[in-house]
PDBML (XML) file of the C-alpha atoms, coordinates in Angstrom:
<?xml version="1.0" encoding="UTF-8" ?>
<PDBx:datablock datablockName="MODEL"
   xmlns:PDBx="http://pdbml.pdb.org/schema/pdbx-v50.xsd"
   xmlns:xsi="http://www.w3.org/2001/XMLSchema-instance"
   xsi:schemaLocation="http://pdbml.pdb.org/schema/pdbx-v50.xsd pdbx-v50.xsd">
   <PDBx:atom_siteCategory>
      <PDBx:atom_site id="1">
         <PDBx:B_iso_or_equiv>0.00</PDBx:B_iso_or_equiv>
         <PDBx:Cartn_x>-23.702</PDBx:Cartn_x>
         <PDBx:Cartn_y>-8.923</PDBx:Cartn_y>
         <PDBx:Cartn_z>11.376</PDBx:Cartn_z>
         <PDBx:auth_asym_id>A</PDBx:auth_asym_id>
         <PDBx:auth_atom_id>CA</PDBx:auth_atom_id>
         <PDBx:auth_comp_id>GLY</PDBx:auth_comp_id>
         <PDBx:auth_seq_id>1</PDBx:auth_seq_id>
         <PDBx:group_PDB>ATOM</PDBx:group_PDB>
         <PDBx:label_alt_id xsi:nil="true" />
         <PDBx:label_asym_id>A</PDBx:label_asym_id>
         <PDBx:label_atom_id>CA</PDBx:label_atom_id>
         <PDBx:label_comp_id>GLY</PDBx:label_comp_id>
         <PDBx:label_entity_id>1</PDBx:label_entity_id>
         <PDBx:label_seq_id>1</PDBx:label_seq_id>
         <PDBx:occupancy>1.00</PDBx:occupancy>
         <PDBx:pdbx_PDB_model_num>1</PDBx:pdbx_PDB_model_num>
         <PDBx:type_symbol>C</PDBx:type_symbol>
      </PDBx:atom_site>
      <PDBx:atom_site id="2">
         <PDBx:B_iso_or_equiv>0.00</PDBx:B_iso_or_equiv>
         <PDBx:Cartn_x>-23.120</PDBx:Cartn_x>
         <PDBx:Cartn_y>-5.192</PDBx:Cartn_y>
         <PDBx:Cartn_z>12.390</PDBx:Cartn_z>
         <PDBx:auth_asym_id>A</PDBx:auth_asym_id>
         <PDBx:auth_atom_id>CA</PDBx:auth_atom_id>
         <PDBx:auth_comp_id>ARG</PDBx:auth_comp_id>
         <PDBx:auth_seq_id>2</PDBx:auth_seq_id>
         <PDBx:group_PDB>ATOM</PDBx:group_PDB>
         <PDBx:label_alt_id xsi:nil="true" />
         <PDBx:label_asym_id>A</PDBx:label_asym_id>
         <PDBx:label_atom_id>CA</PDBx:label_atom_id>
         <PDBx:label_comp_id>ARG</PDBx:label_comp_id>
         <PDBx:label_entity_id>1</PDBx:label_entity_id>
         <PDBx:label_seq_id>2</PDBx:label_seq_id>
         <PDBx:occupancy>1.00</PDBx:occupancy>
         <PDBx:pdbx_PDB_model_num>1</PDBx:pdbx_PDB_model_num>
         <PDBx:type_symbol>C</PDBx:type_symbol>
      </PDBx:atom_site>
      <PDBx:atom_site id="3">
         <PDBx:B_iso_or_equiv>0.00</PDBx:B_iso_or_equiv>
         <PDBx:Cartn_x>-20.087</PDBx:Cartn_x>
         <PDBx:Cartn_y>-2.958</PDBx:Cartn_y>
         <PDBx:Cartn_z>12.509</PDBx:Cartn_z>
         <PDBx:auth_asym_id>A</PDBx:auth_asym_id>
         <PDBx:auth_atom_id>CA</PDBx:auth_atom_id>
         <PDBx:auth_comp_id>GLY</PDBx:auth_comp_id>
         <PDBx:auth_seq_id>3</PDBx:auth_seq_id>
         <PDBx:group_PDB>ATOM</PDBx:group_PDB>
         <PDBx:label_alt_id xsi:nil="true" />
         <PDBx:label_asym_id>A</PDBx:label_asym_id>
         <PDBx:label_atom_id>CA</PDBx:label_atom_id>
         <PDBx:label_comp_id>GLY</PDBx:label_comp_id>
         <PDBx:label_entity_id>1</PDBx:label_entity_id>
         <PDBx:label_seq_id>3</PDBx:label_seq_id>
         <PDBx:occupancy>1.00</PDBx:occupancy>
         <PDBx:pdbx_PDB_model_num>1</PDBx:pdbx_PDB_model_num>
         <PDBx:type_symbol>C</PDBx:type_symbol>
      </PDBx:atom_site>
      <PDBx:atom_site id="4">
         <PDBx:B_iso_or_equiv>0.00</PDBx:B_iso_or_equiv>
         <PDBx:Cartn_x>-16.231</PDBx:Cartn_x>
         <PDBx:Cartn_y>-3.551</PDBx:Cartn_y>
         <PDBx:Cartn_z>12.957</PDBx:Cartn_z>
         <PDBx:auth_asym_id>A</PDBx:auth_asym_id>
         <PDBx:auth_atom_id>CA</PDBx:auth_atom_id>
         <PDBx:auth_comp_id>SER</PDBx:auth_comp_id>
         <PDBx:auth_seq_id>4</PDBx:auth_seq_id>
         <PDBx:group_PDB>ATOM</PDBx:group_PDB>
         <PDBx:label_alt_id xsi:nil="true" />
         <PDBx:label_asym_id>A</PDBx:label_asym_id>
         <PDBx:label_atom_id>CA</PDBx:label_atom_id>
         <PDBx:label_comp_id>SER</PDBx:label_comp_id>
         <PDBx:label_entity_id>1</PDBx:label_entity_id>
         <PDBx:label_seq_id>4</PDBx:label_seq_id>
         <PDBx:occupancy>1.00</PDBx:occupancy>
         <PDBx:pdbx_PDB_model_num>1</PDBx:pdbx_PDB_model_num>
         <PDBx:type_symbol>C</PDBx:type_symbol>
      </PDBx:atom_site>
      <PDBx:atom_site id="5">
         <PDBx:B_iso_or_equiv>0.00</PDBx:B_iso_or_equiv>
         <PDBx:Cartn_x>-16.140</PDBx:Cartn_x>
         <PDBx:Cartn_y>-6.815</PDBx:Cartn_y>
         <PDBx:Cartn_z>14.881</PDBx:Cartn_z>
         <PDBx:auth_asym_id>A</PDBx:auth_asym_id>
         <PDBx:auth_atom_id>CA</PDBx:auth_atom_id>
         <PDBx:auth_comp_id>ASN</PDBx:auth_comp_id>
         <PDBx:auth_seq_id>5</PDBx:auth_seq_id>
         <PDBx:group_PDB>ATOM</PDBx:group_PDB>
         <PDBx:label_alt_id xsi:nil="true" />
         <PDBx:label_asym_id>A</PDBx:label_asym_id>
         <PDBx:label_atom_id>CA</PDBx:label_atom_id>
         <PDBx:label_comp_id>ASN</PDBx:label_comp_id>
         <PDBx:label_entity_id>1</PDBx:label_entity_id>
         <PDBx:label_seq_id>5</PDBx:label_seq_id>
         <PDBx:occupancy>1.00</PDBx:occupancy>
         <PDBx:pdbx_PDB_model_num>1</PDBx:pdbx_PDB_model_num>
         <PDBx:type_symbol>C</PDBx:type_symbol>
      </PDBx:atom_site>
      <PDBx:atom_site id="6">
         <PDBx:B_iso_or_equiv>0.00</PDBx:B_iso_or_equiv>
         <PDBx:Cartn_x>-12.782</PDBx:Cartn_x>
         <PDBx:Cartn_y>-7.536</PDBx:Cartn_y>
         <PDBx:Cartn_z>13.560</PDBx:Cartn_z>
         <PDBx:auth_asym_id>A</PDBx:auth_asym_id>
         <PDBx:auth_atom_id>CA</PDBx:auth_atom_id>
         <PDBx:auth_comp_id>PHE</PDBx:auth_comp_id>
         <PDBx:auth_seq_id>6</PDBx:auth_seq_id>
         <PDBx:group_PDB>ATOM</PDBx:group_PDB>
         <PDBx:label_alt_id xsi:nil="true" />
         <PDBx:label_asym_id>A</PDBx:label_asym_id>
         <PDBx:label_atom_id>CA</PDBx:label_atom_id>
         <PDBx:label_comp_id>PHE</PDBx:label_comp_id>
         <PDBx:label_entity_id>1</PDBx:label_entity_id>
         <PDBx:label_seq_id>6</PDBx:label_seq_id>
         <PDBx:occupancy>1.00</PDBx:occupancy>
         <PDBx:pdbx_PDB_model_num>1</PDBx:pdbx_PDB_model_num>
         <PDBx:type_symbol>C</PDBx:type_symbol>
      </PDBx:atom_site>
      <PDBx:atom_site id="7">
         <PDBx:B_iso_or_equiv>0.00</PDBx:B_iso_or_equiv>
         <PDBx:Cartn_x>-9.891</PDBx:Cartn_x>
         <PDBx:Cartn_y>-7.851</PDBx:Cartn_y>
         <PDBx:Cartn_z>16.224</PDBx:Cartn_z>
         <PDBx:auth_asym_id>A</PDBx:auth_asym_id>
         <PDBx:auth_atom_id>CA</PDBx:auth_atom_id>
         <PDBx:auth_comp_id>TYR</PDBx:auth_comp_id>
         <PDBx:auth_seq_id>7</PDBx:auth_seq_id>
         <PDBx:group_PDB>ATOM</PDBx:group_PDB>
         <PDBx:label_alt_id xsi:nil="true" />
         <PDBx:label_asym_id>A</PDBx:label_asym_id>
         <PDBx:label_atom_id>CA</PDBx:label_atom_id>
         <PDBx:label_comp_id>TYR</PDBx:label_comp_id>
         <PDBx:label_entity_id>1</PDBx:label_entity_id>
         <PDBx:label_seq_id>7</PDBx:label_seq_id>
         <PDBx:occupancy>1.00</PDBx:occupancy>
         <PDBx:pdbx_PDB_model_num>1</PDBx:pdbx_PDB_model_num>
         <PDBx:type_symbol>C</PDBx:type_symbol>
      </PDBx:atom_site>
      <PDBx:atom_site id="8">
         <PDBx:B_iso_or_equiv>0.00</PDBx:B_iso_or_equiv>
         <PDBx:Cartn_x>-7.808</PDBx:Cartn_x>
         <PDBx:Cartn_y>-5.346</PDBx:Cartn_y>
         <PDBx:Cartn_z>14.122</PDBx:Cartn_z>
         <PDBx:auth_asym_id>A</PDBx:auth_asym_id>
         <PDBx:auth_atom_id>CA</PDBx:auth_atom_id>
         <PDBx:auth_comp_id>ARG</PDBx:auth_comp_id>
         <PDBx:auth_seq_id>8</PDBx:auth_seq_id>
         <PDBx:group_PDB>ATOM</PDBx:group_PDB>
         <PDBx:label_alt_id xsi:nil="true" />
         <PDBx:label_asym_id>A</PDBx:label_asym_id>
         <PDBx:label_atom_id>CA</PDBx:label_atom_id>
         <PDBx:label_comp_id>ARG</PDBx:label_comp_id>
         <PDBx:label_entity_id>1</PDBx:label_entity_id>
         <PDBx:label_seq_id>8</PDBx:label_seq_id>
         <PDBx:occupancy>1.00</PDBx:occupancy>
         <PDBx:pdbx_PDB_model_num>1</PDBx:pdbx_PDB_model_num>
         <PDBx:type_symbol>C</PDBx:type_symbol>
      </PDBx:atom_site>
      <PDBx:atom_site id="9">
         <PDBx:B_iso_or_equiv>0.00</PDBx:B_iso_or_equiv>
         <PDBx:Cartn_x>-10.316</PDBx:Cartn_x>
         <PDBx:Cartn_y>-2.404</PDBx:Cartn_y>
         <PDBx:Cartn_z>15.097</PDBx:Cartn_z>
         <PDBx:auth_asym_id>A</PDBx:auth_asym_id>
         <PDBx:auth_atom_id>CA</PDBx:auth_atom_id>
         <PDBx:auth_comp_id>TYR</PDBx:auth_comp_id>
         <PDBx:auth_seq_id>9</PDBx:auth_seq_id>
         <PDBx:group_PDB>ATOM</PDBx:group_PDB>
         <PDBx:label_alt_id xsi:nil="true" />
         <PDBx:label_asym_id>A</PDBx:label_asym_id>
         <PDBx:label_atom_id>CA</PDBx:label_atom_id>
         <PDBx:label_comp_id>TYR</PDBx:label_comp_id>
         <PDBx:label_entity_id>1</PDBx:label_entity_id>
         <PDBx:label_seq_id>9</PDBx:label_seq_id>
         <PDBx:occupancy>1.00</PDBx:occupancy>
         <PDBx:pdbx_PDB_model_num>1</PDBx:pdbx_PDB_model_num>
         <PDBx:type_symbol>C</PDBx:type_symbol>
      </PDBx:atom_site>
      <PDBx:atom_site id="10">
         <PDBx:B_iso_or_equiv>0.00</PDBx:B_iso_or_equiv>
         <PDBx:Cartn_x>-10.200</PDBx:Cartn_x>
         <PDBx:Cartn_y>-3.463</PDBx:Cartn_y>
         <PDBx:Cartn_z>18.722</PDBx:Cartn_z>
         <PDBx:auth_asym_id>A</PDBx:auth_asym_id>
         <PDBx:auth_atom_id>CA</PDBx:auth_atom_id>
         <PDBx:auth_comp_id>SER</PDBx:auth_comp_id>
         <PDBx:auth_seq_id>10</PDBx:auth_seq_id>
         <PDBx:group_PDB>ATOM</PDBx:group_PDB>
         <PDBx:label_alt_id xsi:nil="true" />
         <PDBx:label_asym_id>A</PDBx:label_asym_id>
         <PDBx:label_atom_id>CA</PDBx:label_atom_id>
         <PDBx:label_comp_id>SER</PDBx:label_comp_id>
         <PDBx:label_entity_id>1</PDBx:label_entity_id>
         <PDBx:label_seq_id>10</PDBx:label_seq_id>
         <PDBx:occupancy>1.00</PDBx:occupancy>
         <PDBx:pdbx_PDB_model_num>1</PDBx:pdbx_PDB_model_num>
         <PDBx:type_symbol>C</PDBx:type_symbol>
      </PDBx:atom_site>
      <PDBx:atom_site id="11">
         <PDBx:B_iso_or_equiv>0.00</PDBx:B_iso_or_equiv>
         <PDBx:Cartn_x>-8.635</PDBx:Cartn_x>
         <PDBx:Cartn_y>-1.415</PDBx:Cartn_y>
         <PDBx:Cartn_z>21.680</PDBx:Cartn_z>
         <PDBx:auth_asym_id>A</PDBx:auth_asym_id>
         <PDBx:auth_atom_id>CA</PDBx:auth_atom_id>
         <PDBx:auth_comp_id>SER</PDBx:auth_comp_id>
         <PDBx:auth_seq_id>11</PDBx:auth_seq_id>
         <PDBx:group_PDB>ATOM</PDBx:group_PDB>
         <PDBx:label_alt_id xsi:nil="true" />
         <PDBx:label_asym_id>A</PDBx:label_asym_id>
         <PDBx:label_atom_id>CA</PDBx:label_atom_id>
         <PDBx:label_comp_id>SER</PDBx:label_comp_id>
         <PDBx:label_entity_id>1</PDBx:label_entity_id>
         <PDBx:label_seq_id>11</PDBx:label_seq_id>
         <PDBx:occupancy>1.00</PDBx:occupancy>
         <PDBx:pdbx_PDB_model_num>1</PDBx:pdbx_PDB_model_num>
         <PDBx:type_symbol>C</PDBx:type_symbol>
      </PDBx:atom_site>
      <PDBx:atom_site id="12">
         <PDBx:B_iso_or_equiv>0.00</PDBx:B_iso_or_equiv>
         <PDBx:Cartn_x>-6.691</PDBx:Cartn_x>
         <PDBx:Cartn_y>-4.552</PDBx:Cartn_y>
         <PDBx:Cartn_z>22.745</PDBx:Cartn_z>
         <PDBx:auth_asym_id>A</PDBx:auth_asym_id>
         <PDBx:auth_atom_id>CA</PDBx:auth_atom_id>
         <PDBx:auth_comp_id>ILE</PDBx:auth_comp_id>
         <PDBx:auth_seq_id>12</PDBx:auth_seq_id>
         <PDBx:group_PDB>ATOM</PDBx:group_PDB>
         <PDBx:label_alt_id xsi:nil="true" />
         <PDBx:label_asym_id>A</PDBx:label_asym_id>
         <PDBx:label_atom_id>CA</PDBx:label_atom_id>
         <PDBx:label_comp_id>ILE</PDBx:label_comp_id>
         <PDBx:label_entity_id>1</PDBx:label_entity_id>
         <PDBx:label_seq_id>12</PDBx:label_seq_id>
         <PDBx:occupancy>1.00</PDBx:occupancy>
         <PDBx:pdbx_PDB_model_num>1</PDBx:pdbx_PDB_model_num>
         <PDBx:type_symbol>C</PDBx:type_symbol>
      </PDBx:atom_site>
      <PDBx:atom_site id="13">
         <PDBx:B_iso_or_equiv>0.00</PDBx:B_iso_or_equiv>
         <PDBx:Cartn_x>-4.715</PDBx:Cartn_x>
         <PDBx:Cartn_y>-4.509</PDBx:Cartn_y>
         <PDBx:Cartn_z>19.218</PDBx:Cartn_z>
         <PDBx:auth_asym_id>A</PDBx:auth_asym_id>
         <PDBx:auth_atom_id>CA</PDBx:auth_atom_id>
         <PDBx:auth_comp_id>ALA</PDBx:auth_comp_id>
         <PDBx:auth_seq_id>13</PDBx:auth_seq_id>
         <PDBx:group_PDB>ATOM</PDBx:group_PDB>
         <PDBx:label_alt_id xsi:nil="true" />
         <PDBx:label_asym_id>A</PDBx:label_asym_id>
         <PDBx:label_atom_id>CA</PDBx:label_atom_id>
         <PDBx:label_comp_id>ALA</PDBx:label_comp_id>
         <PDBx:label_entity_id>1</PDBx:label_entity_id>
         <PDBx:label_seq_id>13</PDBx:label_seq_id>
         <PDBx:occupancy>1.00</PDBx:occupancy>
         <PDBx:pdbx_PDB_model_num>1</PDBx:pdbx_PDB_model_num>
         <PDBx:type_symbol>C</PDBx:type_symbol>
      </PDBx:atom_site>
      <PDBx:atom_site id="14">
         <PDBx:B_iso_or_equiv>0.00</PDBx:B_iso_or_equiv>
         <PDBx:Cartn_x>-4.085</PDBx:Cartn_x>
         <PDBx:Cartn_y>-0.744</PDBx:Cartn_y>
         <PDBx:Cartn_z>19.303</PDBx:Cartn_z>
         <PDBx:auth_asym_id>A</PDBx:auth_asym_id>
         <PDBx:auth_atom_id>CA</PDBx:auth_atom_id>
         <PDBx:auth_comp_id>LYS</PDBx:auth_comp_id>
         <PDBx:auth_seq_id>14</PDBx:auth_seq_id>
         <PDBx:group_PDB>ATOM</PDBx:group_PDB>
         <PDBx:label_alt_id xsi:nil="true" />
         <PDBx:label_asym_id>A</PDBx:label_asym_id>
         <PDBx:label_atom_id>CA</PDBx:label_atom_id>
         <PDBx:label_comp_id>LYS</PDBx:label_comp_id>
         <PDBx:label_entity_id>1</PDBx:label_entity_id>
         <PDBx:label_seq_id>14</PDBx:label_seq_id>
         <PDBx:occupancy>1.00</PDBx:occupancy>
         <PDBx:pdbx_PDB_model_num>1</PDBx:pdbx_PDB_model_num>
         <PDBx:type_symbol>C</PDBx:type_symbol>
      </PDBx:atom_site>
      <PDBx:atom_site id="15">
         <PDBx:B_iso_or_equiv>0.00</PDBx:B_iso_or_equiv>
         <PDBx:Cartn_x>-3.150</PDBx:Cartn_x>
         <PDBx:Cartn_y>-0.493</PDBx:Cartn_y>
         <PDBx:Cartn_z>22.928</PDBx:Cartn_z>
         <PDBx:auth_asym_id>A</PDBx:auth_asym_id>
         <PDBx:auth_atom_id>CA</PDBx:auth_atom_id>
         <PDBx:auth_comp_id>GLU</PDBx:auth_comp_id>
         <PDBx:auth_seq_id>15</PDBx:auth_seq_id>
         <PDBx:group_PDB>ATOM</PDBx:group_PDB>
         <PDBx:label_alt_id xsi:nil="true" />
         <PDBx:label_asym_id>A</PDBx:label_asym_id>
         <PDBx:label_atom_id>CA</PDBx:label_atom_id>
         <PDBx:label_comp_id>GLU</PDBx:label_comp_id>
         <PDBx:label_entity_id>1</PDBx:label_entity_id>
         <PDBx:label_seq_id>15</PDBx:label_seq_id>
         <PDBx:occupancy>1.00</PDBx:occupancy>
         <PDBx:pdbx_PDB_model_num>1</PDBx:pdbx_PDB_model_num>
         <PDBx:type_symbol>C</PDBx:type_symbol>
      </PDBx:atom_site>
      <PDBx:atom_site id="16">
         <PDBx:B_iso_or_equiv>0.00</PDBx:B_iso_or_equiv>
         <PDBx:Cartn_x>-0.771</PDBx:Cartn_x>
         <PDBx:Cartn_y>-3.355</PDBx:Cartn_y>
         <PDBx:Cartn_z>22.694</PDBx:Cartn_z>
         <PDBx:auth_asym_id>A</PDBx:auth_asym_id>
         <PDBx:auth_atom_id>CA</PDBx:auth_atom_id>
         <PDBx:auth_comp_id>SER</PDBx:auth_comp_id>
         <PDBx:auth_seq_id>16</PDBx:auth_seq_id>
         <PDBx:group_PDB>ATOM</PDBx:group_PDB>
         <PDBx:label_alt_id xsi:nil="true" />
         <PDBx:label_asym_id>A</PDBx:label_asym_id>
         <PDBx:label_atom_id>CA</PDBx:label_atom_id>
         <PDBx:label_comp_id>SER</PDBx:label_comp_id>
         <PDBx:label_entity_id>1</PDBx:label_entity_id>
         <PDBx:label_seq_id>16</PDBx:label_seq_id>
         <PDBx:occupancy>1.00</PDBx:occupancy>
         <PDBx:pdbx_PDB_model_num>1</PDBx:pdbx_PDB_model_num>
         <PDBx:type_symbol>C</PDBx:type_symbol>
      </PDBx:atom_site>
      <PDBx:atom_site id="17">
         <PDBx:B_iso_or_equiv>0.00</PDBx:B_iso_or_equiv>
         <PDBx:Cartn_x>1.058</PDBx:Cartn_x>
         <PDBx:Cartn_y>-1.935</PDBx:Cartn_y>
         <PDBx:Cartn_z>19.734</PDBx:Cartn_z>
         <PDBx:auth_asym_id>A</PDBx:auth_asym_id>
         <PDBx:auth_atom_id>CA</PDBx:auth_atom_id>
         <PDBx:auth_comp_id>GLY</PDBx:auth_comp_id>
         <PDBx:auth_seq_id>17</PDBx:auth_seq_id>
         <PDBx:group_PDB>ATOM</PDBx:group_PDB>
         <PDBx:label_alt_id xsi:nil="true" />
         <PDBx:label_asym_id>A</PDBx:label_asym_id>
         <PDBx:label_atom_id>CA</PDBx:label_atom_id>
         <PDBx:label_comp_id>GLY</PDBx:label_comp_id>
         <PDBx:label_entity_id>1</PDBx:label_entity_id>
         <PDBx:label_seq_id>17</PDBx:label_seq_id>
         <PDBx:occupancy>1.00</PDBx:occupancy>
         <PDBx:pdbx_PDB_model_num>1</PDBx:pdbx_PDB_model_num>
         <PDBx:type_symbol>C</PDBx:type_symbol>
      </PDBx:atom_site>
      <PDBx:atom_site id="18">
         <PDBx:B_iso_or_equiv>0.00</PDBx:B_iso_or_equiv>
         <PDBx:Cartn_x>0.107</PDBx:Cartn_x>
         <PDBx:Cartn_y>-5.332</PDBx:Cartn_y>
         <PDBx:Cartn_z>17.762</PDBx:Cartn_z>
         <PDBx:auth_asym_id>A</PDBx:auth_asym_id>
         <PDBx:auth_atom_id>CA</PDBx:auth_atom_id>
         <PDBx:auth_comp_id>ARG</PDBx:auth_comp_id>
         <PDBx:auth_seq_id>18</PDBx:auth_seq_id>
         <PDBx:group_PDB>ATOM</PDBx:group_PDB>
         <PDBx:label_alt_id xsi:nil="true" />
         <PDBx:label_asym_id>A</PDBx:label_asym_id>
         <PDBx:label_atom_id>CA</PDBx:label_atom_id>
         <PDBx:label_comp_id>ARG</PDBx:label_comp_id>
         <PDBx:label_entity_id>1</PDBx:label_entity_id>
         <PDBx:label_seq_id>18</PDBx:label_seq_id>
         <PDBx:occupancy>1.00</PDBx:occupancy>
         <PDBx:pdbx_PDB_model_num>1</PDBx:pdbx_PDB_model_num>
         <PDBx:type_symbol>C</PDBx:type_symbol>
      </PDBx:atom_site>
      <PDBx:atom_site id="19">
         <PDBx:B_iso_or_equiv>0.00</PDBx:B_iso_or_equiv>
         <PDBx:Cartn_x>-1.777</PDBx:Cartn_x>
         <PDBx:Cartn_y>-3.454</PDBx:Cartn_y>
         <PDBx:Cartn_z>15.034</PDBx:Cartn_z>
         <PDBx:auth_asym_id>A</PDBx:auth_asym_id>
         <PDBx:auth_atom_id>CA</PDBx:auth_atom_id>
         <PDBx:auth_comp_id>LEU</PDBx:auth_comp_id>
         <PDBx:auth_seq_id>19</PDBx:auth_seq_id>
         <PDBx:group_PDB>ATOM</PDBx:group_PDB>
         <PDBx:label_alt_id xsi:nil="true" />
         <PDBx:label_asym_id>A</PDBx:label_asym_id>
         <PDBx:label_atom_id>CA</PDBx:label_atom_id>
         <PDBx:label_comp_id>LEU</PDBx:label_comp_id>
         <PDBx:label_entity_id>1</PDBx:label_entity_id>
         <PDBx:label_seq_id>19</PDBx:label_seq_id>
         <PDBx:occupancy>1.00</PDBx:occupancy>
         <PDBx:pdbx_PDB_model_num>1</PDBx:pdbx_PDB_model_num>
         <PDBx:type_symbol>C</PDBx:type_symbol>
      </PDBx:atom_site>
      <PDBx:atom_site id="20">
         <PDBx:B_iso_or_equiv>0.00</PDBx:B_iso_or_equiv>
         <PDBx:Cartn_x>1.247</PDBx:Cartn_x>
         <PDBx:Cartn_y>-1.640</PDBx:Cartn_y>
         <PDBx:Cartn_z>13.553</PDBx:Cartn_z>
         <PDBx:auth_asym_id>A</PDBx:auth_asym_id>
         <PDBx:auth_atom_id>CA</PDBx:auth_atom_id>
         <PDBx:auth_comp_id>LYS</PDBx:auth_comp_id>
         <PDBx:auth_seq_id>20</PDBx:auth_seq_id>
         <PDBx:group_PDB>ATOM</PDBx:group_PDB>
         <PDBx:label_alt_id xsi:nil="true" />
         <PDBx:label_asym_id>A</PDBx:label_asym_id>
         <PDBx:label_atom_id>CA</PDBx:label_atom_id>
         <PDBx:label_comp_id>LYS</PDBx:label_comp_id>
         <PDBx:label_entity_id>1</PDBx:label_entity_id>
         <PDBx:label_seq_id>20</PDBx:label_seq_id>
         <PDBx:occupancy>1.00</PDBx:occupancy>
         <PDBx:pdbx_PDB_model_num>1</PDBx:pdbx_PDB_model_num>
         <PDBx:type_symbol>C</PDBx:type_symbol>
      </PDBx:atom_site>
      <PDBx:atom_site id="21">
         <PDBx:B_iso_or_equiv>0.00</PDBx:B_iso_or_equiv>
         <PDBx:Cartn_x>3.266</PDBx:Cartn_x>
         <PDBx:Cartn_y>-4.711</PDBx:Cartn_y>
         <PDBx:Cartn_z>13.621</PDBx:Cartn_z>
         <PDBx:auth_asym_id>A</PDBx:auth_asym_id>
         <PDBx:auth_atom_id>CA</PDBx:auth_atom_id>
         <PDBx:auth_comp_id>LEU</PDBx:auth_comp_id>
         <PDBx:auth_seq_id>21</PDBx:auth_seq_id>
         <PDBx:group_PDB>ATOM</PDBx:group_PDB>
         <PDBx:label_alt_id xsi:nil="true" />
         <PDBx:label_asym_id>A</PDBx:label_asym_id>
         <PDBx:label_atom_id>CA</PDBx:label_atom_id>
         <PDBx:label_comp_id>LEU</PDBx:label_comp_id>
         <PDBx:label_entity_id>1</PDBx:label_entity_id>
         <PDBx:label_seq_id>21</PDBx:label_seq_id>
         <PDBx:occupancy>1.00</PDBx:occupancy>
         <PDBx:pdbx_PDB_model_num>1</PDBx:pdbx_PDB_model_num>
         <PDBx:type_symbol>C</PDBx:type_symbol>
      </PDBx:atom_site>
      <PDBx:atom_site id="22">
         <PDBx:B_iso_or_equiv>0.00</PDBx:B_iso_or_equiv>
         <PDBx:Cartn_x>0.576</PDBx:Cartn_x>
         <PDBx:Cartn_y>-7.225</PDBx:Cartn_y>
         <PDBx:Cartn_z>12.108</PDBx:Cartn_z>
         <PDBx:auth_asym_id>A</PDBx:auth_asym_id>
         <PDBx:auth_atom_id>CA</PDBx:auth_atom_id>
         <PDBx:auth_comp_id>TYR</PDBx:auth_comp_id>
         <PDBx:auth_seq_id>22</PDBx:auth_seq_id>
         <PDBx:group_PDB>ATOM</PDBx:group_PDB>
         <PDBx:label_alt_id xsi:nil="true" />
         <PDBx:label_asym_id>A</PDBx:label_asym_id>
         <PDBx:label_atom_id>CA</PDBx:label_atom_id>
         <PDBx:label_comp_id>TYR</PDBx:label_comp_id>
         <PDBx:label_entity_id>1</PDBx:label_entity_id>
         <PDBx:label_seq_id>22</PDBx:label_seq_id>
         <PDBx:occupancy>1.00</PDBx:occupancy>
         <PDBx:pdbx_PDB_model_num>1</PDBx:pdbx_PDB_model_num>
         <PDBx:type_symbol>C</PDBx:type_symbol>
      </PDBx:atom_site>
      <PDBx:atom_site id="23">
         <PDBx:B_iso_or_equiv>0.00</PDBx:B_iso_or_equiv>
         <PDBx:Cartn_x>0.323</PDBx:Cartn_x>
         <PDBx:Cartn_y>-4.401</PDBx:Cartn_y>
         <PDBx:Cartn_z>9.281</PDBx:Cartn_z>
         <PDBx:auth_asym_id>A</PDBx:auth_asym_id>
         <PDBx:auth_atom_id>CA</PDBx:auth_atom_id>
         <PDBx:auth_comp_id>LYS</PDBx:auth_comp_id>
         <PDBx:auth_seq_id>23</PDBx:auth_seq_id>
         <PDBx:group_PDB>ATOM</PDBx:group_PDB>
         <PDBx:label_alt_id xsi:nil="true" />
         <PDBx:label_asym_id>A</PDBx:label_asym_id>
         <PDBx:label_atom_id>CA</PDBx:label_atom_id>
         <PDBx:label_comp_id>LYS</PDBx:label_comp_id>
         <PDBx:label_entity_id>1</PDBx:label_entity_id>
         <PDBx:label_seq_id>23</PDBx:label_seq_id>
         <PDBx:occupancy>1.00</PDBx:occupancy>
         <PDBx:pdbx_PDB_model_num>1</PDBx:pdbx_PDB_model_num>
         <PDBx:type_symbol>C</PDBx:type_symbol>
      </PDBx:atom_site>
      <PDBx:atom_site id="24">
         <PDBx:B_iso_or_equiv>0.00</PDBx:B_iso_or_equiv>
         <PDBx:Cartn_x>4.139</PDBx:Cartn_x>
         <PDBx:Cartn_y>-4.468</PDBx:Cartn_y>
         <PDBx:Cartn_z>8.844</PDBx:Cartn_z>
         <PDBx:auth_asym_id>A</PDBx:auth_asym_id>
         <PDBx:auth_atom_id>CA</PDBx:auth_atom_id>
         <PDBx:auth_comp_id>ALA</PDBx:auth_comp_id>
         <PDBx:auth_seq_id>24</PDBx:auth_seq_id>
         <PDBx:group_PDB>ATOM</PDBx:group_PDB>
         <PDBx:label_alt_id xsi:nil="true" />
         <PDBx:label_asym_id>A</PDBx:label_asym_id>
         <PDBx:label_atom_id>CA</PDBx:label_atom_id>
         <PDBx:label_comp_id>ALA</PDBx:label_comp_id>
         <PDBx:label_entity_id>1</PDBx:label_entity_id>
         <PDBx:label_seq_id>24</PDBx:label_seq_id>
         <PDBx:occupancy>1.00</PDBx:occupancy>
         <PDBx:pdbx_PDB_model_num>1</PDBx:pdbx_PDB_model_num>
         <PDBx:type_symbol>C</PDBx:type_symbol>
      </PDBx:atom_site>
   </PDBx:atom_siteCategory>
</PDBx:datablock>
């Protein structure tokens, strides 16, 4: 139960550009 295991913090989401689209 430790740390940021949310997908939004993963390198996969950041590198694919999905994070910003999701936030939009």
